[in-house]
């Protein structure tokens, strides 16, 4: 699959395809109320929400719409979250989004920043798109911080699935300039 980072690694994380066996561990994401505090959505039971989430991810895999990767902490071998490249429609425009969600115990450790940076690097190295976005709720300060730490710039505000969001973007030329300055 073109946009998956299966078998990629960072210093602390291993990327792999999601598996049905991840369901029990990922259920904790949907049991934590803070996971939904930034998104307006109809909330069903954690089990139904988790099942719907996995159905959506496997549909992405099957239809070449990108998809989330399981993020496994190397030190413990535990699932700490998901991150990936997703084909999205924003204001009628096809975009490639860097997306991430972490289990409560994986938050505030820099994993989202680390995963998003790896996704950005792999995507631009493979010329997947001239730019990448992140769609972030205007109230989600931790995700805004991840985007800005990875040199993404706030481009515009819009409504996305009934949520007030900011579209953060980085272009391949901006990424090349950052990589060059870090050498």
N, C-alpha and C. Protein backbone atom coordinates (compact mmCIF):
# COMPACT_ATOMS: atom_id res chain seq x y z
N UNK A 1 0.83 -1.17 0.00
CA UNK A 1 0.00 0.00 0.00
C UNK A 1 0.87 1.24 0.00
N UNK A 2 0.53 2.13 -0.89
CA UNK A 2 1.37 3.29 -1.17
C UNK A 2 1.68 4.16 0.05
N UNK A 3 0.70 4.43 0.90
CA UNK A 3 0.90 5.41 1.96
C UNK A 3 1.18 4.83 3.34
N UNK A 4 1.26 3.52 3.46
CA UNK A 4 1.53 2.94 4.77
C UNK A 4 3.02 2.92 5.06
N UNK A 5 3.36 3.01 6.33
CA UNK A 5 4.76 2.98 6.75
C UNK A 5 5.09 1.65 7.43
N UNK A 6 4.46 0.59 6.98
CA UNK A 6 4.69 -0.73 7.56
C UNK A 6 6.18 -1.05 7.63
N UNK A 7 6.63 -1.43 8.80
CA UNK A 7 8.01 -1.82 9.10
C UNK A 7 8.98 -0.64 9.20
N UNK A 8 8.48 0.59 9.16
CA UNK A 8 9.34 1.76 9.39
C UNK A 8 9.55 1.91 10.90
N UNK A 9 10.58 2.66 11.27
CA UNK A 9 10.89 2.86 12.69
C UNK A 9 11.38 4.28 12.93
N UNK A 10 11.24 4.70 14.18
CA UNK A 10 11.89 5.89 14.68
C UNK A 10 12.76 5.43 15.85
N UNK A 11 13.32 6.35 16.55
CA UNK A 11 14.15 5.98 17.69
C UNK A 11 13.38 5.16 18.72
N UNK A 12 12.11 5.51 18.96
CA UNK A 12 11.35 4.84 20.02
C UNK A 12 10.13 4.06 19.54
N UNK A 13 9.79 4.17 18.25
CA UNK A 13 8.55 3.59 17.75
C UNK A 13 8.78 2.68 16.55
N UNK A 14 7.95 1.66 16.48
CA UNK A 14 7.90 0.76 15.33
C UNK A 14 6.53 0.96 14.68
N UNK A 15 6.50 1.13 13.36
CA UNK A 15 5.25 1.27 12.61
C UNK A 15 4.89 -0.08 12.00
N UNK A 16 3.61 -0.44 12.05
CA UNK A 16 3.14 -1.63 11.36
C UNK A 16 1.67 -1.44 11.00
N UNK A 17 1.16 -2.30 10.12
CA UNK A 17 -0.25 -2.26 9.79
C UNK A 17 -1.06 -2.57 11.05
N UNK A 18 -2.24 -1.97 11.13
CA UNK A 18 -3.11 -2.31 12.26
C UNK A 18 -3.64 -3.73 12.07
N UNK A 19 -3.98 -4.34 13.17
CA UNK A 19 -4.48 -5.72 13.16
C UNK A 19 -5.72 -5.80 14.04
N UNK A 20 -6.59 -6.73 13.74
CA UNK A 20 -7.79 -6.94 14.58
C UNK A 20 -7.40 -7.21 16.03
N UNK A 21 -6.26 -7.83 16.25
CA UNK A 21 -5.83 -8.14 17.62
C UNK A 21 -5.48 -6.89 18.43
N UNK A 22 -5.41 -5.71 17.77
CA UNK A 22 -5.15 -4.45 18.48
C UNK A 22 -6.40 -3.90 19.15
N UNK A 23 -7.56 -4.47 18.83
CA UNK A 23 -8.84 -3.92 19.28
C UNK A 23 -8.88 -3.69 20.79
N UNK A 24 -8.53 -4.70 21.57
CA UNK A 24 -8.64 -4.59 23.03
C UNK A 24 -7.77 -3.46 23.56
N UNK A 25 -6.55 -3.35 23.07
CA UNK A 25 -5.66 -2.27 23.53
C UNK A 25 -6.19 -0.91 23.09
N UNK A 26 -6.71 -0.81 21.86
CA UNK A 26 -7.17 0.48 21.34
C UNK A 26 -8.50 0.90 21.96
N UNK A 27 -9.23 -0.02 22.53
CA UNK A 27 -10.50 0.29 23.18
C UNK A 27 -10.32 1.36 24.26
N UNK A 28 -9.16 1.38 24.90
CA UNK A 28 -8.86 2.38 25.92
C UNK A 28 -8.95 3.81 25.39
N UNK A 29 -8.64 4.00 24.12
CA UNK A 29 -8.77 5.32 23.51
C UNK A 29 -10.21 5.80 23.58
N UNK A 30 -11.15 4.92 23.27
CA UNK A 30 -12.56 5.28 23.22
C UNK A 30 -13.21 5.31 24.61
N UNK A 31 -12.58 4.71 25.59
CA UNK A 31 -13.09 4.77 26.96
C UNK A 31 -12.67 6.05 27.67
N UNK A 32 -11.67 6.74 27.14
CA UNK A 32 -11.18 7.97 27.75
C UNK A 32 -11.93 9.18 27.18
N UNK A 33 -12.71 9.89 28.00
CA UNK A 33 -13.47 11.04 27.50
C UNK A 33 -12.61 12.13 26.85
N UNK A 34 -11.36 12.26 27.27
CA UNK A 34 -10.52 13.31 26.69
C UNK A 34 -10.20 13.05 25.23
N UNK A 35 -10.38 11.82 24.77
CA UNK A 35 -10.12 11.50 23.36
C UNK A 35 -11.09 12.22 22.43
N UNK A 36 -12.25 12.62 22.94
CA UNK A 36 -13.28 13.25 22.12
C UNK A 36 -13.53 14.71 22.46
N UNK A 37 -12.79 15.27 23.38
CA UNK A 37 -13.11 16.61 23.85
C UNK A 37 -12.98 17.68 22.78
N UNK A 38 -12.26 17.41 21.69
CA UNK A 38 -12.05 18.43 20.66
C UNK A 38 -12.90 18.21 19.41
N UNK A 39 -13.71 17.15 19.36
CA UNK A 39 -14.49 16.86 18.16
C UNK A 39 -15.96 16.73 18.49
N UNK A 40 -16.78 17.41 17.71
CA UNK A 40 -18.22 17.28 17.80
C UNK A 40 -18.58 16.01 17.05
N UNK A 41 -19.13 15.05 17.74
CA UNK A 41 -19.49 13.79 17.11
C UNK A 41 -20.54 13.09 17.96
N UNK A 42 -21.35 12.29 17.32
CA UNK A 42 -22.30 11.47 18.07
C UNK A 42 -21.49 10.36 18.74
N UNK A 43 -21.64 10.23 20.03
CA UNK A 43 -20.86 9.23 20.76
C UNK A 43 -21.70 8.00 21.05
N UNK A 44 -21.17 6.87 20.64
CA UNK A 44 -21.81 5.59 20.92
C UNK A 44 -20.98 4.91 22.00
N UNK A 45 -21.25 3.67 22.29
CA UNK A 45 -20.46 2.97 23.30
C UNK A 45 -19.01 2.86 22.83
N UNK A 46 -18.05 2.78 23.77
CA UNK A 46 -16.65 2.63 23.37
C UNK A 46 -16.44 1.44 22.43
N UNK A 47 -17.14 0.34 22.67
CA UNK A 47 -16.98 -0.85 21.83
C UNK A 47 -17.45 -0.59 20.40
N UNK A 48 -18.58 0.09 20.26
CA UNK A 48 -19.10 0.42 18.92
C UNK A 48 -18.18 1.42 18.23
N UNK A 49 -17.74 2.44 18.95
CA UNK A 49 -16.83 3.43 18.38
C UNK A 49 -15.53 2.76 17.90
N UNK A 50 -14.99 1.87 18.70
CA UNK A 50 -13.75 1.18 18.35
C UNK A 50 -13.96 0.29 17.12
N UNK A 51 -15.04 -0.43 17.09
CA UNK A 51 -15.35 -1.29 15.93
C UNK A 51 -15.51 -0.44 14.67
N UNK A 52 -16.22 0.68 14.78
CA UNK A 52 -16.39 1.57 13.63
C UNK A 52 -15.05 2.12 13.16
N UNK A 53 -14.17 2.46 14.10
CA UNK A 53 -12.86 3.00 13.76
C UNK A 53 -12.05 1.97 12.98
N UNK A 54 -12.03 0.72 13.47
CA UNK A 54 -11.28 -0.32 12.76
C UNK A 54 -11.88 -0.62 11.39
N UNK A 55 -13.21 -0.64 11.30
CA UNK A 55 -13.85 -0.85 9.99
C UNK A 55 -13.41 0.23 9.01
N UNK A 56 -13.38 1.47 9.47
CA UNK A 56 -12.94 2.59 8.62
C UNK A 56 -11.49 2.42 8.18
N UNK A 57 -10.63 2.00 9.10
CA UNK A 57 -9.21 1.84 8.75
C UNK A 57 -9.01 0.71 7.73
N UNK A 58 -9.67 -0.40 7.95
CA UNK A 58 -9.52 -1.51 6.99
C UNK A 58 -10.11 -1.14 5.63
N UNK A 59 -11.18 -0.32 5.63
CA UNK A 59 -11.74 0.18 4.38
C UNK A 59 -10.71 1.06 3.66
N UNK A 60 -10.00 1.89 4.40
CA UNK A 60 -8.94 2.72 3.81
C UNK A 60 -7.88 1.82 3.16
N UNK A 61 -7.46 0.78 3.87
CA UNK A 61 -6.46 -0.14 3.33
C UNK A 61 -6.94 -0.75 2.01
N UNK A 62 -8.17 -1.25 2.02
CA UNK A 62 -8.72 -1.96 0.87
C UNK A 62 -8.93 -1.06 -0.33
N UNK A 63 -9.18 0.23 -0.10
CA UNK A 63 -9.50 1.16 -1.18
C UNK A 63 -8.38 2.15 -1.49
N UNK A 64 -7.17 1.85 -1.01
CA UNK A 64 -6.00 2.69 -1.29
C UNK A 64 -6.24 4.16 -0.92
N UNK A 65 -6.80 4.36 0.27
CA UNK A 65 -7.07 5.71 0.76
C UNK A 65 -6.11 6.09 1.88
N UNK A 66 -4.93 5.50 1.85
CA UNK A 66 -3.99 5.70 2.94
C UNK A 66 -4.44 4.87 4.12
N UNK A 67 -3.98 5.24 5.29
CA UNK A 67 -4.42 4.52 6.47
C UNK A 67 -3.49 4.72 7.63
N UNK A 68 -4.02 4.38 8.77
CA UNK A 68 -3.26 4.50 10.01
C UNK A 68 -2.35 3.29 10.17
N UNK A 69 -1.23 3.55 10.78
CA UNK A 69 -0.29 2.50 11.19
C UNK A 69 -0.40 2.36 12.69
N UNK A 70 -0.22 1.15 13.19
CA UNK A 70 -0.10 0.96 14.63
C UNK A 70 1.27 1.49 15.04
N UNK A 71 1.30 2.22 16.15
CA UNK A 71 2.56 2.71 16.72
C UNK A 71 2.86 1.85 17.94
N UNK A 72 3.95 1.12 17.86
CA UNK A 72 4.34 0.21 18.93
C UNK A 72 5.60 0.76 19.58
N UNK A 73 5.53 0.94 20.89
CA UNK A 73 6.69 1.41 21.65
C UNK A 73 7.74 0.30 21.65
N UNK A 74 8.93 0.61 21.17
CA UNK A 74 9.99 -0.40 21.08
C UNK A 74 10.36 -0.95 22.45
N UNK A 75 10.48 -0.09 23.45
CA UNK A 75 10.96 -0.53 24.77
C UNK A 75 10.02 -1.53 25.42
N UNK A 76 8.70 -1.36 25.24
CA UNK A 76 7.74 -2.23 25.92
C UNK A 76 7.04 -3.21 24.99
N UNK A 77 7.04 -2.93 23.69
CA UNK A 77 6.29 -3.74 22.74
C UNK A 77 4.79 -3.48 22.77
N UNK A 78 4.37 -2.42 23.47
CA UNK A 78 2.94 -2.10 23.61
C UNK A 78 2.49 -1.12 22.54
N UNK A 79 1.23 -1.27 22.15
CA UNK A 79 0.58 -0.31 21.27
C UNK A 79 0.40 0.98 22.05
N UNK A 80 0.88 2.10 21.48
CA UNK A 80 0.71 3.40 22.14
C UNK A 80 -0.18 4.34 21.34
N UNK A 81 -0.46 3.97 20.09
CA UNK A 81 -1.32 4.83 19.28
C UNK A 81 -1.33 4.41 17.83
N UNK A 82 -1.86 5.30 17.00
CA UNK A 82 -1.92 5.10 15.56
C UNK A 82 -1.53 6.40 14.88
N UNK A 83 -0.89 6.29 13.74
CA UNK A 83 -0.52 7.46 12.96
C UNK A 83 -0.39 7.05 11.51
N UNK A 84 -0.70 7.97 10.61
CA UNK A 84 -0.58 7.61 9.21
C UNK A 84 -0.89 8.74 8.27
N UNK A 85 -0.84 8.41 6.99
CA UNK A 85 -1.19 9.32 5.90
C UNK A 85 -2.59 8.95 5.41
N UNK A 86 -3.47 9.94 5.40
CA UNK A 86 -4.85 9.70 4.99
C UNK A 86 -5.21 10.59 3.81
N UNK A 87 -5.85 10.02 2.82
CA UNK A 87 -6.39 10.82 1.73
C UNK A 87 -7.69 11.42 2.24
N UNK A 88 -7.78 12.74 2.22
CA UNK A 88 -8.93 13.46 2.75
C UNK A 88 -9.49 14.42 1.71
N UNK A 89 -10.74 14.76 1.86
CA UNK A 89 -11.38 15.82 1.09
C UNK A 89 -11.66 16.97 2.05
N UNK A 90 -11.02 18.12 1.81
CA UNK A 90 -11.22 19.29 2.65
C UNK A 90 -11.66 20.43 1.75
N UNK A 91 -12.83 20.93 1.99
CA UNK A 91 -13.40 22.01 1.17
C UNK A 91 -13.37 21.64 -0.32
N UNK A 92 -13.65 20.36 -0.60
CA UNK A 92 -13.73 19.91 -1.98
C UNK A 92 -12.39 19.65 -2.65
N UNK A 93 -11.31 19.70 -1.89
CA UNK A 93 -9.96 19.51 -2.44
C UNK A 93 -9.36 18.24 -1.85
N UNK A 94 -8.80 17.39 -2.70
CA UNK A 94 -8.10 16.20 -2.22
C UNK A 94 -6.77 16.57 -1.58
N UNK A 95 -6.55 16.09 -0.39
CA UNK A 95 -5.33 16.40 0.37
C UNK A 95 -4.78 15.12 0.97
N UNK A 96 -3.50 15.14 1.30
CA UNK A 96 -2.87 14.05 2.01
C UNK A 96 -2.56 14.55 3.42
N UNK A 97 -3.19 13.90 4.40
CA UNK A 97 -3.10 14.36 5.79
C UNK A 97 -2.20 13.48 6.63
N UNK A 98 -1.39 14.12 7.47
CA UNK A 98 -0.67 13.43 8.54
C UNK A 98 -1.64 13.39 9.72
N UNK A 99 -1.99 12.17 10.16
CA UNK A 99 -2.94 12.01 11.25
C UNK A 99 -2.31 11.20 12.37
N UNK A 100 -2.76 11.44 13.59
CA UNK A 100 -2.24 10.70 14.74
C UNK A 100 -3.25 10.72 15.87
N UNK A 101 -3.30 9.64 16.60
CA UNK A 101 -4.11 9.51 17.81
C UNK A 101 -3.35 8.61 18.76
N UNK A 102 -3.30 9.00 20.01
CA UNK A 102 -2.55 8.23 21.00
C UNK A 102 -3.44 7.77 22.14
N UNK A 103 -3.12 6.60 22.66
CA UNK A 103 -3.75 6.14 23.89
C UNK A 103 -3.37 7.09 25.02
N UNK A 104 -4.21 7.23 26.03
CA UNK A 104 -3.89 8.16 27.12
C UNK A 104 -2.49 7.95 27.70
N UNK A 105 -2.07 6.70 27.87
CA UNK A 105 -0.75 6.45 28.46
C UNK A 105 0.41 6.76 27.50
N UNK A 106 0.11 7.01 26.24
CA UNK A 106 1.14 7.36 25.27
C UNK A 106 1.27 8.86 25.03
N UNK A 107 0.41 9.63 25.67
CA UNK A 107 0.41 11.08 25.45
C UNK A 107 1.48 11.78 26.28
N UNK A 108 1.86 12.95 25.82
CA UNK A 108 2.82 13.82 26.51
C UNK A 108 4.21 13.20 26.63
N UNK A 109 4.55 12.37 25.65
CA UNK A 109 5.88 11.75 25.62
C UNK A 109 6.62 12.07 24.32
N UNK A 110 6.01 12.88 23.47
CA UNK A 110 6.63 13.23 22.20
C UNK A 110 6.40 12.21 21.09
N UNK A 111 5.58 11.19 21.34
CA UNK A 111 5.36 10.16 20.32
C UNK A 111 4.64 10.71 19.09
N UNK A 112 3.66 11.58 19.29
CA UNK A 112 2.93 12.12 18.14
C UNK A 112 3.86 12.95 17.25
N UNK A 113 4.70 13.77 17.87
CA UNK A 113 5.66 14.58 17.11
C UNK A 113 6.63 13.68 16.36
N UNK A 114 7.13 12.66 17.02
CA UNK A 114 8.09 11.72 16.42
C UNK A 114 7.45 10.95 15.26
N UNK A 115 6.23 10.47 15.46
CA UNK A 115 5.54 9.72 14.40
C UNK A 115 5.21 10.62 13.22
N UNK A 116 4.68 11.81 13.51
CA UNK A 116 4.31 12.74 12.43
C UNK A 116 5.53 13.14 11.61
N UNK A 117 6.64 13.34 12.28
CA UNK A 117 7.88 13.72 11.56
C UNK A 117 8.34 12.58 10.65
N UNK A 118 8.27 11.35 11.13
CA UNK A 118 8.66 10.21 10.31
C UNK A 118 7.75 10.09 9.09
N UNK A 119 6.47 10.27 9.30
CA UNK A 119 5.51 10.19 8.19
C UNK A 119 5.81 11.28 7.17
N UNK A 120 6.08 12.48 7.64
CA UNK A 120 6.43 13.58 6.76
C UNK A 120 7.68 13.26 5.95
N UNK A 121 8.72 12.79 6.63
CA UNK A 121 9.98 12.47 5.95
C UNK A 121 9.78 11.40 4.89
N UNK A 122 9.12 10.32 5.23
CA UNK A 122 8.91 9.23 4.27
C UNK A 122 8.06 9.70 3.10
N UNK A 123 7.01 10.45 3.37
CA UNK A 123 6.14 10.93 2.31
C UNK A 123 6.88 11.83 1.33
N UNK A 124 7.63 12.78 1.85
CA UNK A 124 8.35 13.69 0.96
C UNK A 124 9.51 12.99 0.26
N UNK A 125 10.20 12.06 0.92
CA UNK A 125 11.26 11.30 0.26
C UNK A 125 10.72 10.49 -0.90
N UNK A 126 9.48 10.04 -0.78
CA UNK A 126 8.84 9.25 -1.85
C UNK A 126 8.02 10.11 -2.81
N UNK A 127 8.10 11.43 -2.67
CA UNK A 127 7.35 12.35 -3.53
C UNK A 127 5.86 12.01 -3.60
N UNK A 128 5.27 11.70 -2.46
CA UNK A 128 3.85 11.35 -2.42
C UNK A 128 2.93 12.54 -2.71
N UNK A 129 3.38 13.75 -2.37
CA UNK A 129 2.54 14.93 -2.57
C UNK A 129 3.43 16.18 -2.49
N UNK A 130 3.00 17.27 -3.13
CA UNK A 130 3.79 18.51 -3.03
C UNK A 130 3.67 19.18 -1.67
N UNK A 131 2.62 18.81 -0.91
CA UNK A 131 2.47 19.32 0.45
C UNK A 131 1.64 18.34 1.26
N UNK A 132 1.73 18.48 2.57
CA UNK A 132 0.97 17.65 3.51
C UNK A 132 0.23 18.57 4.47
N UNK A 133 -0.92 18.10 4.92
CA UNK A 133 -1.69 18.88 5.89
C UNK A 133 -1.91 18.08 7.16
N UNK A 134 -2.33 18.78 8.20
CA UNK A 134 -2.94 18.18 9.38
C UNK A 134 -4.21 18.98 9.64
N UNK A 135 -5.29 18.28 9.90
CA UNK A 135 -6.58 18.88 10.19
C UNK A 135 -6.75 18.85 11.70
N UNK A 136 -6.73 20.03 12.33
CA UNK A 136 -6.68 20.07 13.79
C UNK A 136 -7.79 20.96 14.34
N UNK A 137 -8.54 20.42 15.29
CA UNK A 137 -9.56 21.20 15.97
C UNK A 137 -8.93 22.44 16.58
N UNK A 138 -9.64 23.56 16.49
CA UNK A 138 -9.11 24.82 17.00
C UNK A 138 -8.85 24.80 18.51
N UNK A 139 -9.43 23.85 19.22
CA UNK A 139 -9.25 23.77 20.68
C UNK A 139 -8.18 22.76 21.08
N UNK A 140 -7.61 22.04 20.12
CA UNK A 140 -6.68 20.95 20.44
C UNK A 140 -5.24 21.46 20.48
N UNK A 141 -4.89 22.09 21.59
CA UNK A 141 -3.55 22.69 21.74
C UNK A 141 -2.44 21.65 21.61
N UNK A 142 -2.55 20.45 22.21
CA UNK A 142 -1.46 19.47 22.03
C UNK A 142 -1.20 19.12 20.56
N UNK A 143 -2.24 18.97 19.76
CA UNK A 143 -2.03 18.65 18.34
C UNK A 143 -1.50 19.86 17.57
N UNK A 144 -1.94 21.04 17.94
CA UNK A 144 -1.38 22.25 17.33
C UNK A 144 0.12 22.31 17.60
N UNK A 145 0.52 21.97 18.83
CA UNK A 145 1.94 21.96 19.18
C UNK A 145 2.73 20.94 18.36
N UNK A 146 2.13 19.77 18.10
CA UNK A 146 2.80 18.75 17.27
C UNK A 146 3.04 19.33 15.88
N UNK A 147 2.03 19.94 15.30
CA UNK A 147 2.17 20.50 13.95
C UNK A 147 3.25 21.58 13.90
N UNK A 148 3.24 22.49 14.87
CA UNK A 148 4.22 23.57 14.83
C UNK A 148 5.64 23.07 15.12
N UNK A 149 5.78 22.07 15.99
CA UNK A 149 7.11 21.49 16.24
C UNK A 149 7.67 20.86 14.97
N UNK A 150 6.78 20.40 14.09
CA UNK A 150 7.22 19.80 12.82
C UNK A 150 7.19 20.80 11.67
N UNK A 151 7.24 22.09 12.02
CA UNK A 151 7.36 23.20 11.05
C UNK A 151 6.16 23.36 10.13
N UNK A 152 5.01 22.84 10.52
CA UNK A 152 3.80 23.08 9.74
C UNK A 152 3.26 24.45 10.13
N UNK A 153 2.67 25.11 9.14
CA UNK A 153 2.13 26.45 9.36
C UNK A 153 0.61 26.44 9.27
N UNK A 154 -0.03 27.22 10.16
CA UNK A 154 -1.47 27.38 10.07
C UNK A 154 -1.78 28.09 8.76
N UNK A 155 -2.62 27.47 7.95
CA UNK A 155 -2.94 28.02 6.63
C UNK A 155 -4.29 28.72 6.61
N UNK A 156 -5.29 28.04 7.15
CA UNK A 156 -6.64 28.62 7.13
C UNK A 156 -7.52 27.87 8.12
N UNK A 157 -8.63 28.50 8.45
CA UNK A 157 -9.64 27.85 9.27
C UNK A 157 -10.82 27.47 8.39
N UNK A 158 -11.48 26.38 8.74
CA UNK A 158 -12.62 25.91 7.98
C UNK A 158 -13.49 25.04 8.89
N UNK A 159 -14.56 24.54 8.32
CA UNK A 159 -15.42 23.59 9.02
C UNK A 159 -15.17 22.23 8.37
N UNK A 160 -14.87 21.24 9.18
CA UNK A 160 -14.59 19.90 8.70
C UNK A 160 -15.41 18.92 9.54
N UNK A 161 -16.34 18.22 8.91
CA UNK A 161 -17.24 17.30 9.62
C UNK A 161 -17.86 17.98 10.85
N UNK A 162 -18.39 19.16 10.64
CA UNK A 162 -19.09 19.95 11.65
C UNK A 162 -18.19 20.48 12.76
N UNK A 163 -16.89 20.43 12.56
CA UNK A 163 -15.94 20.91 13.56
C UNK A 163 -15.17 22.11 13.03
N UNK A 164 -14.93 23.07 13.91
CA UNK A 164 -14.11 24.22 13.57
C UNK A 164 -12.64 23.78 13.66
N UNK A 165 -11.94 23.83 12.54
CA UNK A 165 -10.57 23.33 12.49
C UNK A 165 -9.65 24.35 11.82
N UNK A 166 -8.37 24.13 12.05
CA UNK A 166 -7.33 24.85 11.31
C UNK A 166 -6.60 23.82 10.47
N UNK A 167 -6.33 24.20 9.23
CA UNK A 167 -5.55 23.36 8.33
C UNK A 167 -4.10 23.82 8.46
N UNK A 168 -3.25 22.93 8.92
CA UNK A 168 -1.81 23.18 8.99
C UNK A 168 -1.18 22.53 7.76
N UNK A 169 -0.16 23.17 7.19
CA UNK A 169 0.44 22.66 5.96
C UNK A 169 1.96 22.84 6.00
N UNK A 170 2.64 21.90 5.34
CA UNK A 170 4.06 22.04 5.02
C UNK A 170 4.24 21.58 3.58
N UNK A 171 5.03 22.33 2.84
CA UNK A 171 5.32 21.97 1.45
C UNK A 171 6.63 21.21 1.38
N UNK A 172 6.81 20.51 0.29
CA UNK A 172 8.05 19.75 0.12
C UNK A 172 9.26 20.69 0.08
N UNK A 173 9.12 21.88 -0.49
CA UNK A 173 10.25 22.81 -0.53
C UNK A 173 10.59 23.32 0.87
N UNK A 174 9.57 23.57 1.71
CA UNK A 174 9.85 23.96 3.10
C UNK A 174 10.54 22.82 3.84
N UNK A 175 10.06 21.60 3.61
CA UNK A 175 10.66 20.43 4.26
C UNK A 175 12.12 20.28 3.84
N UNK A 176 12.41 20.44 2.54
CA UNK A 176 13.80 20.32 2.05
C UNK A 176 14.70 21.36 2.70
N UNK A 177 14.18 22.58 2.86
CA UNK A 177 14.97 23.64 3.49
C UNK A 177 15.28 23.28 4.94
N UNK A 178 14.32 22.69 5.64
CA UNK A 178 14.51 22.30 7.05
C UNK A 178 15.54 21.17 7.13
N UNK A 179 15.40 20.17 6.26
CA UNK A 179 16.33 19.03 6.26
C UNK A 179 17.75 19.53 5.97
N UNK A 180 17.86 20.41 5.00
CA UNK A 180 19.17 20.94 4.62
C UNK A 180 19.80 21.72 5.78
N UNK A 181 19.00 22.50 6.51
CA UNK A 181 19.55 23.29 7.63
C UNK A 181 19.93 22.43 8.81
N UNK A 182 19.39 21.20 8.89
CA UNK A 182 19.72 20.29 9.99
C UNK A 182 20.93 19.43 9.71
N UNK A 183 21.49 19.55 8.50
CA UNK A 183 22.65 18.72 8.14
C UNK A 183 23.93 19.35 8.63
